[in-house]
PDB file of N, CA and C in Angstrom:
ATOM      1  N   MET A   1       0.791 -10.889  -3.630  1.00  0.00           N
ATOM      2  CA  MET A   1       2.096 -11.577  -4.085  1.00  0.00           C
ATOM      3  C   MET A   1       2.164 -12.889  -3.322  1.00  0.00           C
ATOM      4  N   ARG A   2       1.914 -12.878  -2.068  1.00  0.00           N
ATOM      5  CA  ARG A   2       2.030 -14.102  -1.251  1.00  0.00           C
ATOM      6  C   ARG A   2       1.171 -15.257  -1.989  1.00  0.00           C
ATOM      7  N   SER A   3       0.002 -14.892  -2.212  1.00  0.00           N
ATOM      8  CA  SER A   3      -0.862 -15.927  -2.860  1.00  0.00           C
ATOM      9  C   SER A   3      -0.458 -16.444  -4.132  1.00  0.00           C
ATOM     10  N   GLN A   4       0.136 -15.499  -4.934  1.00  0.00           N
ATOM     11  CA  GLN A   4       0.577 -15.855  -6.272  1.00  0.00           C
ATOM     12  C   GLN A   4       1.773 -16.756  -6.165  1.00  0.00           C
ATOM     13  N   CYS A   5       2.643 -16.487  -5.155  1.00  0.00           N
ATOM     14  CA  CYS A   5       3.853 -17.386  -4.962  1.00  0.00           C
ATOM     15  C   CYS A   5       3.306 -18.796  -4.626  1.00  0.00           C
ATOM     16  N   GLU A   6       2.275 -18.869  -3.744  1.00  0.00           N
ATOM     17  CA  GLU A   6       1.724 -20.164  -3.368  1.00  0.00           C
ATOM     18  C   GLU A   6       1.230 -20.866  -4.545  1.00  0.00           C
ATOM     19  N   VAL A   7       0.424 -20.211  -5.282  1.00  0.00           N
ATOM     20  CA  VAL A   7      -0.262 -20.875  -6.470  1.00  0.00           C
ATOM     21  C   VAL A   7       0.916 -21.353  -7.508  1.00  0.00           C
ATOM     22  N   SER A   8       1.863 -20.498  -7.674  1.00  0.00           N
ATOM     23  CA  SER A   8       2.931 -20.925  -8.493  1.00  0.00           C
ATOM     24  C   SER A   8       3.953 -21.765  -7.958  1.00  0.00           C
ATOM     25  N   ARG A   9       3.879 -22.104  -6.617  1.00  0.00           N
ATOM     26  CA  ARG A   9       4.767 -22.903  -5.918  1.00  0.00           C
ATOM     27  C   ARG A   9       6.247 -22.366  -6.037  1.00  0.00           C
ATOM     28  N   MET A  10       6.245 -21.075  -5.867  1.00  0.00           N
ATOM     29  CA  MET A  10       7.504 -20.402  -5.859  1.00  0.00           C
ATOM     30  C   MET A  10       7.868 -19.918  -4.411  1.00  0.00           C
ATOM     31  N   PRO A  11       9.063 -19.738  -4.123  1.00  0.00           N
ATOM     32  CA  PRO A  11       9.408 -19.254  -2.788  1.00  0.00           C
ATOM     33  C   PRO A  11       9.109 -17.734  -2.786  1.00  0.00           C
ATOM     34  N   PHE A  12       8.701 -17.320  -1.603  1.00  0.00           N
ATOM     35  CA  PHE A  12       8.380 -15.864  -1.473  1.00  0.00           C
ATOM     36  C   PHE A  12       9.611 -15.058  -1.525  1.00  0.00           C
ATOM     37  N   PRO A  13       9.850 -14.061  -2.303  1.00  0.00           N
ATOM     38  CA  PRO A  13      11.158 -13.340  -2.423  1.00  0.00           C
ATOM     39  C   PRO A  13      11.416 -12.544  -1.021  1.00  0.00           C
ATOM     40  N   SER A  14      12.728 -12.696  -0.712  1.00  0.00           N
ATOM     41  CA  SER A  14      13.055 -11.960   0.617  1.00  0.00           C
ATOM     42  C   SER A  14      12.890 -10.514   0.435  1.00  0.00           C
ATOM     43  N   PHE A  15      13.145  -9.902  -0.738  1.00  0.00           N
ATOM     44  CA  PHE A  15      13.017  -8.339  -0.821  1.00  0.00           C
ATOM     45  C   PHE A  15      11.594  -7.850  -0.537  1.00  0.00           C
ATOM     46  N   ALA A  16      10.593  -8.690  -0.712  1.00  0.00           N
ATOM     47  CA  ALA A  16       9.265  -8.263  -0.493  1.00  0.00           C
ATOM     48  C   ALA A  16       8.742  -8.438   0.951  1.00  0.00           C
ATOM     49  N   ARG A  17       9.595  -8.810   1.919  1.00  0.00           N
ATOM     50  CA  ARG A  17       9.105  -9.013   3.180  1.00  0.00           C
ATOM     51  C   ARG A  17       8.982  -7.592   3.954  1.00  0.00           C
ATOM     52  N   ARG A  18       9.800  -6.700   3.524  1.00  0.00           N
ATOM     53  CA  ARG A  18       9.544  -5.312   4.024  1.00  0.00           C
ATOM     54  C   ARG A  18       8.986  -4.491   2.914  1.00  0.00           C
ATOM     55  N   PHE A  19       8.003  -3.596   3.233  1.00  0.00           N
ATOM     56  CA  PHE A  19       7.385  -2.855   2.226  1.00  0.00           C
ATOM     57  C   PHE A  19       6.778  -1.562   2.717  1.00  0.00           C
ATOM     58  N   SER A  20       6.413  -0.704   1.987  1.00  0.00           N
ATOM     59  CA  SER A  20       5.802   0.548   2.369  1.00  0.00           C
ATOM     60  C   SER A  20       4.366   0.580   2.135  1.00  0.00           C
ATOM     61  N   ASN A  21       3.552   0.575   3.232  1.00  0.00           N
ATOM     62  CA  ASN A  21       2.130   0.492   3.264  1.00  0.00           C
ATOM     63  C   ASN A  21       1.648   1.961   3.062  1.00  0.00           C
ATOM     64  N   ILE A  22       1.167   2.149   1.816  1.00  0.00           N
ATOM     65  CA  ILE A  22       0.635   3.574   1.494  1.00  0.00           C
ATOM     66  C   ILE A  22      -0.474   4.121   2.350  1.00  0.00           C
ATOM     67  N   LYS A  23      -1.316   3.185   2.956  1.00  0.00           N
ATOM     68  CA  LYS A  23      -2.348   3.530   3.822  1.00  0.00           C
ATOM     69  C   LYS A  23      -1.875   4.229   4.915  1.00  0.00           C
ATOM     70  N   LEU A  24      -0.758   3.694   5.535  1.00  0.00           N
ATOM     71  CA  LEU A  24      -0.098   4.246   6.759  1.00  0.00           C
ATOM     72  C   LEU A  24       0.395   5.682   6.504  1.00  0.00           C
ATOM     73  N   HIS A  25       1.081   5.790   5.321  1.00  0.00           N
ATOM     74  CA  HIS A  25       1.701   7.101   4.935  1.00  0.00           C
ATOM     75  C   HIS A  25       0.416   8.090   4.748  1.00  0.00           C
ATOM     76  N   TYR A  26      -0.555   7.764   4.158  1.00  0.00           N
ATOM     77  CA  TYR A  26      -1.722   8.562   3.871  1.00  0.00           C
ATOM     78  C   TYR A  26      -2.418   8.980   5.101  1.00  0.00           C
ATOM     79  N   MET A  27      -2.564   8.066   6.141  1.00  0.00           N
ATOM     80  CA  MET A  27      -3.301   8.419   7.386  1.00  0.00           C
ATOM     81  C   MET A  27      -2.376   9.308   8.041  1.00  0.00           C
ATOM     82  N   GLN A  28      -1.046   9.163   8.132  1.00  0.00           N
ATOM     83  CA  GLN A  28      -0.175  10.144   8.885  1.00  0.00           C
ATOM     84  C   GLN A  28      -0.236  11.510   8.248  1.00  0.00           C
ATOM     85  N   LEU A  29      -0.109  11.527   7.003  1.00  0.00           N
ATOM     86  CA  LEU A  29      -0.035  12.944   6.306  1.00  0.00           C
ATOM     87  C   LEU A  29      -1.451  13.622   6.320  1.00  0.00           C
ATOM     88  N   MET A  30      -2.497  12.792   6.295  1.00  0.00           N
ATOM     89  CA  MET A  30      -3.826  13.486   6.386  1.00  0.00           C
ATOM     90  C   MET A  30      -4.219  13.563   7.867  1.00  0.00           C
ATOM     91  N   GLY A  31      -3.607  13.243   8.787  1.00  0.00           N
ATOM     92  CA  GLY A  31      -3.938  13.394  10.177  1.00  0.00           C
ATOM     93  C   GLY A  31      -5.078  12.450  10.632  1.00  0.00           C
ATOM     94  N   ILE A  32      -5.163  11.336  10.029  1.00  0.00           N
ATOM     95  CA  ILE A  32      -6.251  10.347  10.410  1.00  0.00           C
ATOM     96  C   ILE A  32      -5.741   9.427  11.487  1.00  0.00           C
ATOM     97  N   ARG A  33      -6.498   9.381  12.550  1.00  0.00           N
ATOM     98  CA  ARG A  33      -6.268   8.397  13.539  1.00  0.00           C
ATOM     99  C   ARG A  33      -7.509   7.447  13.782  1.00  0.00           C
ATOM    100  N   LEU A  34      -7.239   6.168  13.716  1.00  0.00           N
ATOM    101  CA  LEU A  34      -8.384   5.170  13.581  1.00  0.00           C
ATOM    102  C   LEU A  34      -8.839   4.931  15.025  1.00  0.00           C
ATOM    103  N   ARG A  35     -10.113   4.873  15.150  1.00  0.00           N
ATOM    104  CA  ARG A  35     -10.662   4.438  16.436  1.00  0.00           C
ATOM    105  C   ARG A  35     -10.786   2.891  16.336  1.00  0.00           C
ATOM    106  N   ARG A  36     -10.840   2.261  17.461  1.00  0.00           N
ATOM    107  CA  ARG A  36     -10.936   0.762  17.538  1.00  0.00           C
ATOM    108  C   ARG A  36     -12.120   0.202  16.689  1.00  0.00           C
ATOM    109  N   GLY A  37     -11.803  -0.687  15.864  1.00  0.00           N
ATOM    110  CA  GLY A  37     -12.860  -1.283  14.932  1.00  0.00           C
ATOM    111  C   GLY A  37     -13.023  -0.519  13.578  1.00  0.00           C
ATOM    112  N   GLN A  38     -12.558   0.736  13.526  1.00  0.00           N
ATOM    113  CA  GLN A  38     -12.629   1.434  12.279  1.00  0.00           C
ATOM    114  C   GLN A  38     -11.668   0.897  11.274  1.00  0.00           C
ATOM    115  N   ALA A  39     -12.166   0.853  10.041  1.00  0.00           N
ATOM    116  CA  ALA A  39     -11.357   0.274   9.002  1.00  0.00           C
ATOM    117  C   ALA A  39     -10.450   1.271   8.491  1.00  0.00           C
ATOM    118  N   THR A  40      -9.225   0.832   7.900  1.00  0.00           N
ATOM    119  CA  THR A  40      -8.354   1.696   7.192  1.00  0.00           C
ATOM    120  C   THR A  40      -8.986   2.206   5.867  1.00  0.00           C
ATOM    121  N   PRO A  41      -8.570   3.362   5.366  1.00  0.00           N
ATOM    122  CA  PRO A  41      -9.131   3.864   4.205  1.00  0.00           C
ATOM    123  C   PRO A  41      -8.676   2.981   2.976  1.00  0.00           C
ATOM    124  N   ARG A  42      -9.733   2.834   2.210  1.00  0.00           N
ATOM    125  CA  ARG A  42      -9.445   1.936   0.859  1.00  0.00           C
ATOM    126  C   ARG A  42      -9.005   2.869  -0.266  1.00  0.00           C
ATOM    127  N   ILE A  43      -8.468   2.321  -1.314  1.00  0.00           N
ATOM    128  CA  ILE A  43      -8.013   3.101  -2.487  1.00  0.00           C
ATOM    129  C   ILE A  43      -9.019   3.999  -2.921  1.00  0.00           C
ATOM    130  N   PRO A  44     -10.320   3.718  -3.119  1.00  0.00           N
ATOM    131  CA  PRO A  44     -11.305   4.796  -3.581  1.00  0.00           C
ATOM    132  C   PRO A  44     -11.520   5.928  -2.529  1.00  0.00           C
ATOM    133  N   ASP A  45     -11.385   5.600  -1.290  1.00  0.00           N
ATOM    134  CA  ASP A  45     -11.508   6.526  -0.231  1.00  0.00           C
ATOM    135  C   ASP A  45     -10.393   7.530  -0.279  1.00  0.00           C
ATOM    136  N   MET A  46      -9.159   7.071  -0.380  1.00  0.00           N
ATOM    137  CA  MET A  46      -7.986   7.987  -0.575  1.00  0.00           C
ATOM    138  C   MET A  46      -7.983   8.864  -1.749  1.00  0.00           C
ATOM    139  N   LEU A  47      -8.349   8.141  -2.949  1.00  0.00           N
ATOM    140  CA  LEU A  47      -8.548   8.980  -4.124  1.00  0.00           C
ATOM    141  C   LEU A  47      -9.414  10.150  -4.067  1.00  0.00           C
ATOM    142  N   SER A  48     -10.552   9.716  -3.432  1.00  0.00           N
ATOM    143  CA  SER A  48     -11.687  10.795  -3.253  1.00  0.00           C
ATOM    144  C   SER A  48     -11.347  11.888  -2.436  1.00  0.00           C
ATOM    145  N   ALA A  49     -10.682  11.569  -1.337  1.00  0.00           N
ATOM    146  CA  ALA A  49     -10.241  12.675  -0.373  1.00  0.00           C
ATOM    147  C   ALA A  49      -9.159  13.593  -0.982  1.00  0.00           C
ATOM    148  N   LEU A  50      -8.399  13.046  -1.858  1.00  0.00           N
ATOM    149  CA  LEU A  50      -7.365  13.768  -2.581  1.00  0.00           C
ATOM    150  C   LEU A  50      -7.832  14.460  -3.826  1.00  0.00           C
ATOM    151  N   GLY A  51      -9.159  14.329  -4.178  1.00  0.00           N
ATOM    152  CA  GLY A  51      -9.724  14.918  -5.284  1.00  0.00           C
ATOM    153  C   GLY A  51      -9.222  14.302  -6.581  1.00  0.00           C
ATOM    154  N   ILE A  52      -9.045  12.980  -6.630  1.00  0.00           N
ATOM    155  CA  ILE A  52      -8.529  12.321  -7.751  1.00  0.00           C
ATOM    156  C   ILE A  52      -9.649  11.244  -8.112  1.00  0.00           C
ATOM    157  N   SER A  53      -9.943  11.241  -9.432  1.00  0.00           N
ATOM    158  CA  SER A  53     -10.970  10.235  -9.846  1.00  0.00           C
ATOM    159  C   SER A  53     -10.339   8.842  -9.962  1.00  0.00           C
ATOM    160  N   GLN A  54     -11.013   7.772  -9.740  1.00  0.00           N
ATOM    161  CA  GLN A  54     -10.518   6.419  -9.836  1.00  0.00           C
ATOM    162  C   GLN A  54     -10.422   6.034 -11.273  1.00  0.00           C
ATOM    163  N   GLN A  55      -9.323   5.489 -11.653  1.00  0.00           N
ATOM    164  CA  GLN A  55      -9.204   4.986 -13.027  1.00  0.00           C
ATOM    165  C   GLN A  55      -9.051   3.452 -13.026  1.00  0.00           C
ATOM    166  N   GLY A  56      -9.694   2.815 -14.021  1.00  0.00           N
ATOM    167  CA  GLY A  56      -9.623   1.346 -14.105  1.00  0.00           C
ATOM    168  C   GLY A  56     -10.656   0.709 -13.141  1.00  0.00           C
ATOM    169  N   GLN A  57     -10.450  -0.642 -13.057  1.00  0.00           N
ATOM    170  CA  GLN A  57     -11.290  -1.439 -12.233  1.00  0.00           C
ATOM    171  C   GLN A  57     -10.569  -1.734 -10.880  1.00  0.00           C
ATOM    172  N   LEU A  58     -11.375  -1.480  -9.759  1.00  0.00           N
ATOM    173  CA  LEU A  58     -10.917  -1.792  -8.422  1.00  0.00           C
ATOM    174  C   LEU A  58     -10.560  -3.303  -8.373  1.00  0.00           C
ATOM    175  N   HIS A  59      -9.465  -3.575  -7.740  1.00  0.00           N
ATOM    176  CA  HIS A  59      -8.923  -5.025  -7.480  1.00  0.00           C
ATOM    177  C   HIS A  59      -8.256  -5.496  -8.817  1.00  0.00           C
ATOM    178  N   SER A  60      -8.196  -4.715  -9.792  1.00  0.00           N
ATOM    179  CA  SER A  60      -7.449  -5.049 -10.937  1.00  0.00           C
ATOM    180  C   SER A  60      -5.885  -4.736 -10.628  1.00  0.00           C
ATOM    181  N   ALA A  61      -5.036  -5.651 -10.769  1.00  0.00           N
ATOM    182  CA  ALA A  61      -3.723  -5.476 -10.195  1.00  0.00           C
ATOM    183  C   ALA A  61      -3.065  -4.172 -10.822  1.00  0.00           C
ATOM    184  N   ILE A  62      -3.152  -3.975 -12.206  1.00  0.00           N
ATOM    185  CA  ILE A  62      -2.572  -2.879 -12.887  1.00  0.00           C
ATOM    186  C   ILE A  62      -3.295  -1.529 -12.541  1.00  0.00           C
ATOM    187  N   SER A  63      -4.583  -1.673 -12.453  1.00  0.00           N
ATOM    188  CA  SER A  63      -5.296  -0.448 -12.171  1.00  0.00           C
ATOM    189  C   SER A  63      -5.013   0.007 -10.680  1.00  0.00           C
ATOM    190  N   ASP A  64      -4.979  -0.911  -9.739  1.00  0.00           N
ATOM    191  CA  ASP A  64      -4.686  -0.621  -8.288  1.00  0.00           C
ATOM    192  C   ASP A  64      -3.249  -0.059  -8.322  1.00  0.00           C
ATOM    193  N   ALA A  65      -2.290  -0.605  -8.964  1.00  0.00           N
ATOM    194  CA  ALA A  65      -0.949  -0.133  -8.987  1.00  0.00           C
ATOM    195  C   ALA A  65      -0.830   1.328  -9.444  1.00  0.00           C
ATOM    196  N   ARG A  66      -1.588   1.547 -10.592  1.00  0.00           N
ATOM    197  CA  ARG A  66      -1.601   2.908 -11.125  1.00  0.00           C
ATOM    198  C   ARG A  66      -2.202   3.930 -10.163  1.00  0.00           C
ATOM    199  N   ASN A  67      -3.427   3.504  -9.531  1.00  0.00           N
ATOM    200  CA  ASN A  67      -4.050   4.357  -8.565  1.00  0.00           C
ATOM    201  C   ASN A  67      -3.284   4.622  -7.301  1.00  0.00           C
ATOM    202  N   ILE A  68      -2.576   3.603  -6.884  1.00  0.00           N
ATOM    203  CA  ILE A  68      -1.656   3.835  -5.751  1.00  0.00           C
ATOM    204  C   ILE A  68      -0.542   4.921  -6.067  1.00  0.00           C
ATOM    205  N   CYS A  69       0.015   4.731  -7.270  1.00  0.00           N
ATOM    206  CA  CYS A  69       1.069   5.704  -7.786  1.00  0.00           C
ATOM    207  C   CYS A  69       0.376   7.112  -7.779  1.00  0.00           C
ATOM    208  N   ARG A  70      -0.795   7.235  -8.144  1.00  0.00           N
ATOM    209  CA  ARG A  70      -1.432   8.562  -8.247  1.00  0.00           C
ATOM    210  C   ARG A  70      -1.609   9.123  -6.830  1.00  0.00           C
ATOM    211  N   ILE A  71      -1.844   8.219  -5.970  1.00  0.00           N
ATOM    212  CA  ILE A  71      -2.018   8.605  -4.473  1.00  0.00           C
ATOM    213  C   ILE A  71      -0.681   9.184  -3.947  1.00  0.00           C
ATOM    214  N   MET A  72       0.338   8.352  -4.300  1.00  0.00           N
ATOM    215  CA  MET A  72       1.711   8.776  -3.920  1.00  0.00           C
ATOM    216  C   MET A  72       2.094  10.017  -4.396  1.00  0.00           C
ATOM    217  N   GLU A  73       1.788  10.336  -5.675  1.00  0.00           N
ATOM    218  CA  GLU A  73       2.113  11.535  -6.349  1.00  0.00           C
ATOM    219  C   GLU A  73       1.314  12.816  -5.613  1.00  0.00           C
ATOM    220  N   ALA A  74       0.066  12.576  -5.317  1.00  0.00           N
ATOM    221  CA  ALA A  74      -0.637  13.602  -4.599  1.00  0.00           C
ATOM    222  C   ALA A  74      -0.074  13.878  -3.153  1.00  0.00           C
ATOM    223  N   LEU A  75       0.413  12.814  -2.461  1.00  0.00           N
ATOM    224  CA  LEU A  75       0.964  12.888  -1.240  1.00  0.00           C
ATOM    225  C   LEU A  75       2.268  13.614  -1.217  1.00  0.00           C
ATOM    226  N   SER A  76       2.941  13.332  -2.243  1.00  0.00           N
ATOM    227  CA  SER A  76       4.288  13.972  -2.643  1.00  0.00           C
ATOM    228  C   SER A  76       4.153  15.471  -2.706  1.00  0.00           C
ATOM    229  N   ARG A  77       3.116  15.899  -3.559  1.00  0.00           N
ATOM    230  CA  ARG A  77       2.825  17.298  -3.769  1.00  0.00           C
ATOM    231  C   ARG A  77       2.500  18.011  -2.368  1.00  0.00           C
ATOM    232  N   LYS A  78       1.652  17.241  -1.624  1.00  0.00           N
ATOM    233  CA  LYS A  78       1.384  17.855  -0.258  1.00  0.00           C
ATOM    234  C   LYS A  78       2.560  17.967   0.581  1.00  0.00           C
ATOM    235  N   LEU A  79       3.525  16.997   0.632  1.00  0.00           N
ATOM    236  CA  LEU A  79       4.711  17.106   1.437  1.00  0.00           C
ATOM    237  C   LEU A  79       5.556  18.203   0.905  1.00  0.00           C
ATOM    238  N   ARG A  80       5.764  18.347  -0.431  1.00  0.00           N
ATOM    239  CA  ARG A  80       6.478  19.533  -0.958  1.00  0.00           C
ATOM    240  C   ARG A  80       5.895  20.807  -0.581  1.00  0.00           C
ATOM    241  N   ALA A  81       4.635  20.929  -0.693  1.00  0.00           N
ATOM    242  CA  ALA A  81       3.938  22.147  -0.325  1.00  0.00           C
ATOM    243  C   ALA A  81       4.149  22.597   1.078  1.00  0.00           C
ATOM    244  N   SER A  82       4.363  21.654   1.961  1.00  0.00           N
ATOM    245  CA  SER A  82       4.446  21.948   3.356  1.00  0.00           C
ATOM    246  C   SER A  82       5.940  22.076   3.745  1.00  0.00           C
ATOM    247  N   GLY A  83       6.812  21.876   2.784  1.00  0.00           N
ATOM    248  CA  GLY A  83       8.310  22.054   3.050  1.00  0.00           C
ATOM    249  C   GLY A  83       8.929  20.824   3.613  1.00  0.00           C
ATOM    250  N   ARG A  84       8.235  19.712   3.741  1.00  0.00           N
ATOM    251  CA  ARG A  84       8.814  18.459   4.289  1.00  0.00           C
ATOM    252  C   ARG A  84       9.389  17.615   3.281  1.00  0.00           C
ATOM    253  N   PRO A  85      10.326  16.743   3.624  1.00  0.00           N
ATOM    254  CA  PRO A  85      11.031  15.973   2.651  1.00  0.00           C
ATOM    255  C   PRO A  85      10.020  14.884   2.160  1.00  0.00           C
ATOM    256  N   VAL A  86      10.158  14.596   0.727  1.00  0.00           N
ATOM    257  CA  VAL A  86       9.210  13.546   0.282  1.00  0.00           C
ATOM    258  C   VAL A  86      10.007  12.224   0.418  1.00  0.00           C
ATOM    259  N   ALA A  87       9.382  11.242   1.276  1.00  0.00           N
ATOM    260  CA  ALA A  87       9.930   9.976   1.471  1.00  0.00           C
ATOM    261  C   ALA A  87       8.879   9.030   1.888  1.00  0.00           C
ATOM    262  N   PHE A  88       8.843   7.893   1.362  1.00  0.00           N
ATOM    263  CA  PHE A  88       7.862   6.845   1.764  1.00  0.00           C
ATOM    264  C   PHE A  88       8.665   5.598   2.166  1.00  0.00           C
ATOM    265  N   PRO A  89       9.290   5.731   3.463  1.00  0.00           N
ATOM    266  CA  PRO A  89      10.054   4.524   3.829  1.00  0.00           C
ATOM    267  C   PRO A  89       9.281   3.229   4.107  1.00  0.00           C
ATOM    268  N   ASN A  90      10.053   2.200   4.136  1.00  0.00           N
ATOM    269  CA  ASN A  90       9.302   0.998   4.513  1.00  0.00           C
ATOM    270  C   ASN A  90       8.776   1.071   5.868  1.00  0.00           C
ATOM    271  N   ASN A  91       7.493   0.703   6.152  1.00  0.00           N
ATOM    272  CA  ASN A  91       6.921   0.772   7.396  1.00  0.00           C
ATOM    273  C   ASN A  91       6.191  -0.545   7.777  1.00  0.00           C
ATOM    274  N   GLU A  92       6.415  -1.607   7.060  1.00  0.00           N
ATOM    275  CA  GLU A  92       5.729  -2.860   7.361  1.00  0.00           C
ATOM    276  C   GLU A  92       6.732  -4.018   7.078  1.00  0.00           C
ATOM    277  N   THR A  93       6.532  -5.037   7.824  1.00  0.00           N
ATOM    278  CA  THR A  93       7.258  -6.257   7.728  1.00  0.00           C
ATOM    279  C   THR A  93       6.327  -7.418   7.773  1.00  0.00           C
ATOM    280  N   LEU A  94       6.377  -8.296   6.789  1.00  0.00           N
ATOM    281  CA  LEU A  94       5.511  -9.455   6.664  1.00  0.00           C
ATOM    282  C   LEU A  94       5.579 -10.317   7.967  1.00  0.00           C
ATOM    283  N   LYS A  95       4.539 -10.752   8.552  1.00  0.00           N
ATOM    284  CA  LYS A  95       4.606 -11.662   9.596  1.00  0.00           C
ATOM    285  C   LYS A  95       5.115 -13.004   9.098  1.00  0.00           C
ATOM    286  N   ALA A  96       5.682 -13.759   9.898  1.00  0.00           N
ATOM    287  CA  ALA A  96       6.326 -15.005   9.571  1.00  0.00           C
ATOM    288  C   ALA A  96       5.277 -16.036   8.918  1.00  0.00           C
ATOM    289  N   ASN A  97       4.090 -15.940   9.503  1.00  0.00           N
ATOM    290  CA  ASN A  97       3.111 -16.950   9.019  1.00  0.00           C
ATOM    291  C   ASN A  97       2.502 -16.630   7.661  1.00  0.00           C
ATOM    292  N   TRP A  98       2.874 -15.340   7.194  1.00  0.00           N
ATOM    293  CA  TRP A  98       2.393 -14.998   5.837  1.00  0.00           C
ATOM    294  C   TRP A  98       3.239 -15.654   4.748  1.00  0.00           C
ATOM    295  N   VAL A  99       4.418 -16.070   5.172  1.00  0.00           N
ATOM    296  CA  VAL A  99       5.356 -16.610   4.057  1.00  0.00           C
ATOM    297  C   VAL A  99       5.270 -18.060   4.196  1.00  0.00           C
ATOM    298  N   VAL A 100       4.697 -18.735   3.257  1.00  0.00           N
ATOM    299  CA  VAL A 100       4.313 -20.153   3.300  1.00  0.00           C
ATOM    300  C   VAL A 100       5.426 -20.886   2.631  1.00  0.00           C
ATOM    301  N   LYS A 101       6.002 -21.942   3.273  1.00  0.00           N
ATOM    302  CA  LYS A 101       7.003 -22.846   2.592  1.00  0.00           C
ATOM    303  C   LYS A 101       6.220 -24.092   2.158  1.00  0.00           C
ATOM    304  N   HIS A 102       6.523 -24.588   1.002  1.00  0.00           N
ATOM    305  CA  HIS A 102       5.857 -25.788   0.408  1.00  0.00           C
ATOM    306  C   HIS A 102       6.584 -26.956   0.944  1.00  0.00           C
ATOM    307  N   PRO A 103       5.831 -28.059   1.058  1.00  0.00           N
ATOM    308  CA  PRO A 103       6.417 -29.357   1.565  1.00  0.00           C
ATOM    309  C   PRO A 103       7.667 -29.854   0.826  1.00  0.00           C
ATOM    310  N   SER A 104       7.724 -29.511  -0.419  1.00  0.00           N
ATOM    311  CA  SER A 104       8.841 -29.880  -1.216  1.00  0.00           C
ATOM    312  C   SER A 104      10.129 -29.006  -0.989  1.00  0.00           C
ATOM    313  N   ASP A 105      10.006 -28.001  -0.213  1.00  0.00           N
ATOM    314  CA  ASP A 105      11.111 -27.105   0.003  1.00  0.00           C
ATOM    315  C   ASP A 105      12.018 -27.688   1.041  1.00  0.00           C
TER     316      ASP A 105
END
């Protein structure tokens, strides 16, 4: 979104500065702790571990969005099955240097 705003010369919307990072929710629910230098799970990794086949093309915005929704649905089922509340609160805030202002602003 940040890059698209830059290309379109639009201000970055304030509502998007806080967001929910599905990778963090996934790692917490699946009990994954990263070691130094270890990469976070990618969409195909999460889908595979949850027994879900990937649909669409990786890095296609609509396919990625749909696959992330499918990951959230699977995580929601796991939470319900364990008797825990289903919630995916905001857990990330964009760094100030991610939000680019244009010279004309």
